[in-house]
Protein backbone atom coordinates (compact mmCIF):
# COMPACT_ATOMS: atom_id res chain seq x y z
CA MET A 1 52.82 5.86 -24.63
CA ASN A 2 50.10 3.37 -25.37
CA ARG A 3 48.32 3.22 -28.70
CA MET A 4 44.96 4.33 -27.38
CA SER A 5 46.27 7.71 -26.21
CA HIS A 6 47.31 8.55 -29.79
CA ARG A 7 43.80 8.12 -31.14
CA PHE A 8 41.67 9.59 -28.32
CA PRO A 9 42.23 12.53 -25.97
CA ALA A 10 43.39 11.55 -22.46
CA PRO A 11 40.18 12.70 -20.62
CA PHE A 12 38.10 10.44 -22.86
CA VAL A 13 40.29 7.42 -22.16
CA ARG A 14 40.11 8.04 -18.40
CA SER A 15 36.31 8.46 -18.46
CA ALA A 16 35.85 5.34 -20.63
CA ASN A 17 38.01 3.34 -18.23
CA GLY A 18 36.01 4.74 -15.30
CA ILE A 19 32.72 3.77 -16.89
CA LEU A 20 34.00 0.28 -17.68
CA LEU A 21 35.23 -0.14 -14.09
CA ALA A 22 31.90 1.05 -12.67
CA PHE A 23 30.01 -1.37 -14.94
CA VAL A 24 32.18 -4.35 -13.93
CA LEU A 25 31.84 -3.51 -10.22
CA SER A 26 28.06 -3.15 -10.48
CA MET A 27 27.80 -6.53 -12.21
CA ILE A 28 29.87 -8.16 -9.48
CA ALA A 29 27.84 -6.51 -6.71
CA GLY A 30 24.53 -7.33 -8.40
CA GLY A 31 25.51 -10.96 -8.80
CA ALA A 32 26.47 -11.20 -5.14
CA MET A 33 23.17 -9.69 -4.07
CA ALA A 34 21.15 -12.11 -6.20
CA GLN A 35 22.66 -15.19 -4.59
CA PRO A 36 20.17 -17.21 -2.52
CA GLU A 37 20.79 -17.55 1.18
CA ARG A 38 22.86 -20.64 1.84
CA GLY A 39 22.51 -23.23 4.57
CA ARG A 40 25.33 -25.16 6.27
CA GLY A 41 25.97 -27.50 3.33
CA GLY A 42 26.15 -24.67 0.81
CA GLU A 43 22.71 -25.48 -0.62
CA PRO A 44 20.11 -22.70 -0.83
CA ARG A 45 17.92 -22.77 2.28
CA ALA A 46 14.36 -23.94 1.68
CA GLU A 47 12.91 -20.73 3.18
CA ALA A 48 15.03 -18.63 0.83
CA ARG A 49 13.67 -20.50 -2.19
CA GLN A 50 9.97 -20.55 -1.37
CA GLY A 51 9.35 -18.55 1.81
CA GLU A 52 8.78 -19.73 5.33
CA ALA A 53 5.67 -21.68 6.19
CA HIS A 54 3.18 -19.44 8.00
CA PRO A 55 0.97 -21.14 10.59
CA GLY A 56 -1.88 -18.66 10.05
CA PRO A 57 -3.64 -16.30 12.42
CA ARG A 58 -3.56 -16.95 16.15
CA GLY A 59 -6.57 -16.50 18.40
CA TYR A 60 -9.28 -16.83 15.78
CA PRO A 61 -10.09 -19.25 12.97
CA ARG A 62 -9.19 -18.28 9.42
CA VAL A 63 -12.22 -17.03 7.52
CA THR A 64 -13.30 -19.43 4.83
CA GLU A 65 -16.09 -19.42 2.32
CA PRO A 66 -19.31 -20.90 3.70
CA GLN A 67 -20.49 -24.15 2.22
CA GLY A 68 -22.44 -23.47 -0.96
CA TRP A 69 -21.14 -19.91 -1.32
CA ASN A 70 -20.96 -20.29 -5.10
CA ALA A 71 -24.13 -22.38 -5.56
CA ARG A 72 -26.31 -19.50 -6.69
CA PRO A 73 -30.06 -19.99 -6.90
CA GLY A 74 -31.14 -20.21 -10.53
CA ALA A 75 -34.60 -18.72 -10.05
CA VAL A 76 -35.14 -15.32 -8.46
CA ASP A 77 -38.03 -14.79 -6.06
CA ARG A 78 -38.18 -11.02 -6.48
CA GLY A 79 -40.62 -10.61 -3.60
CA ALA A 80 -38.11 -12.14 -1.20
CA TYR A 81 -35.44 -9.62 -2.21
CA GLN A 82 -37.10 -6.29 -2.96
CA HIS A 83 -36.14 -4.55 0.27
CA ASN A 84 -33.96 -1.72 1.49
CA PHE A 85 -32.42 -2.95 4.74
CA GLN A 86 -30.32 -1.27 7.37
CA ALA A 87 -27.27 -3.51 7.92
CA ALA A 88 -27.12 -5.30 11.25
CA ARG A 89 -23.38 -4.59 11.47
CA GLY A 90 -20.87 -2.23 9.87
CA TYR A 91 -17.46 -3.31 8.55
CA ARG A 92 -14.28 -1.27 8.15
CA ILE A 93 -12.42 -1.99 4.95
CA GLY A 94 -10.34 0.13 2.59
CA PRO A 95 -11.47 3.51 1.32
CA TYR A 96 -14.19 3.80 -1.28
CA HIS A 97 -13.52 5.83 -4.41
CA ARG A 98 -16.72 6.52 -6.28
CA PRO A 99 -16.59 6.61 -10.08
CA PRO A 100 -15.09 9.84 -11.42
CA GLY A 101 -17.70 12.48 -12.19
CA TRP A 102 -20.44 10.93 -10.04
CA VAL A 103 -21.80 12.13 -6.69
CA ASP A 104 -22.85 10.20 -3.61
CA ARG A 105 -26.44 9.06 -3.67
CA ARG A 106 -28.76 6.82 -1.67
CA TRP A 107 -29.90 4.02 -3.97
CA ALA A 108 -33.08 1.93 -3.53
CA PHE A 109 -34.42 -1.31 -5.02
CA GLY A 110 -36.08 -0.94 -8.42
CA GLN A 111 -33.72 1.83 -9.55
CA ILE A 112 -31.16 1.33 -12.32
CA LEU A 113 -27.55 1.49 -11.13
CA PRO A 114 -25.27 2.97 -13.82
CA ARG A 115 -22.75 0.48 -15.22
CA THR A 116 -19.80 2.45 -13.86
CA TYR A 117 -20.97 1.62 -10.29
CA TRP A 118 -20.83 -2.13 -10.86
CA ALA A 119 -17.47 -2.28 -12.60
CA ALA A 120 -15.07 -4.99 -11.38
CA GLN A 121 -13.43 -2.84 -8.68
CA TYR A 122 -16.79 -2.43 -6.88
CA VAL A 123 -17.95 -6.08 -6.96
CA LEU A 124 -18.03 -7.77 -3.53
CA ALA A 125 -16.91 -11.25 -4.56
CA ASP A 126 -16.45 -12.18 -0.87
CA TYR A 127 -19.96 -11.04 0.07
CA TRP A 128 -20.27 -13.59 2.90
CA LEU A 129 -17.62 -11.68 4.89
CA PHE A 130 -20.07 -8.79 5.18
CA GLY A 131 -23.15 -10.80 6.18
CA LEU A 132 -24.69 -10.64 2.71
CA GLU A 133 -26.80 -13.42 1.23
CA ILE A 134 -25.77 -15.55 -1.74
CA PRO A 135 -26.70 -13.58 -4.86
CA PRO A 136 -28.92 -15.33 -7.40
CA ALA A 137 -27.50 -16.20 -10.81
CA GLY A 138 -27.09 -13.04 -12.89
CA TYR A 139 -26.71 -10.76 -9.85
CA GLU A 140 -23.73 -9.42 -7.91
CA TRP A 141 -23.24 -7.51 -4.69
CA VAL A 142 -21.42 -4.23 -5.28
CA ARG A 143 -20.20 -1.52 -2.95
CA ALA A 144 -21.51 2.02 -3.37
CA GLY A 145 -20.14 4.20 -0.59
CA ALA A 146 -21.25 2.73 2.74
CA ASP A 147 -23.89 0.50 1.13
CA ALA A 148 -24.00 -2.93 -0.48
CA ILE A 149 -26.25 -3.20 -3.52
CA LEU A 150 -27.52 -6.38 -5.17
CA VAL A 151 -27.60 -5.54 -8.88
CA ASN A 152 -28.62 -7.36 -12.05
CA ILE A 153 -25.39 -7.55 -14.07
CA VAL A 154 -27.21 -7.32 -17.40
CA SER A 155 -29.71 -4.51 -16.83
CA GLY A 156 -28.30 -2.72 -13.77
CA GLU A 157 -31.63 -3.02 -11.93
CA ILE A 158 -31.19 -2.94 -8.15
CA LEU A 159 -32.84 -5.91 -6.47
CA GLN A 160 -31.88 -5.14 -2.84
CA VAL A 161 -29.88 -2.63 -0.81
CA GLU A 162 -28.13 -3.02 2.56
CA TYR A 163 -27.48 0.46 3.96
CA GLY A 164 -24.48 1.06 6.22
CA VAL A 165 -22.57 -2.17 5.60
CA PHE A 166 -19.30 -0.21 5.45
CA VAL A 167 -18.31 2.39 8.02
């Protein structure tokens, strides 16, 4: 009889050995799974280390920011903006989730958009993809339902609305 069986009951010794065996096997299996894919010379393949090079989309050019997309006008000609337009084209993007506790509403220039509507998740940082003009300094385009709203990020005043940008 071995010494361990004198101190602990036999079922405990068997279960402890089983747990130890399971742990060792999981460590061996985990280590094997974490090994990088190897090439012919035994070195990790370049694609396994950093991913394959992707040539980009085929059949259309990759969308890039237009020249001057971040050169925002410093002065605001309010008369040039104060309009409620119907968008020339509608775009399909992910679903819109309005702020909790608020209802859908049709906004217009001159109104004050509550801060919750121009939180970070609603800002259209890539506004040019939706045919929207460069916002002046201190303004951002935000999504509110199907519409794009140009809002003053200090006061919340709406400078312009494009209805039906998102379908």
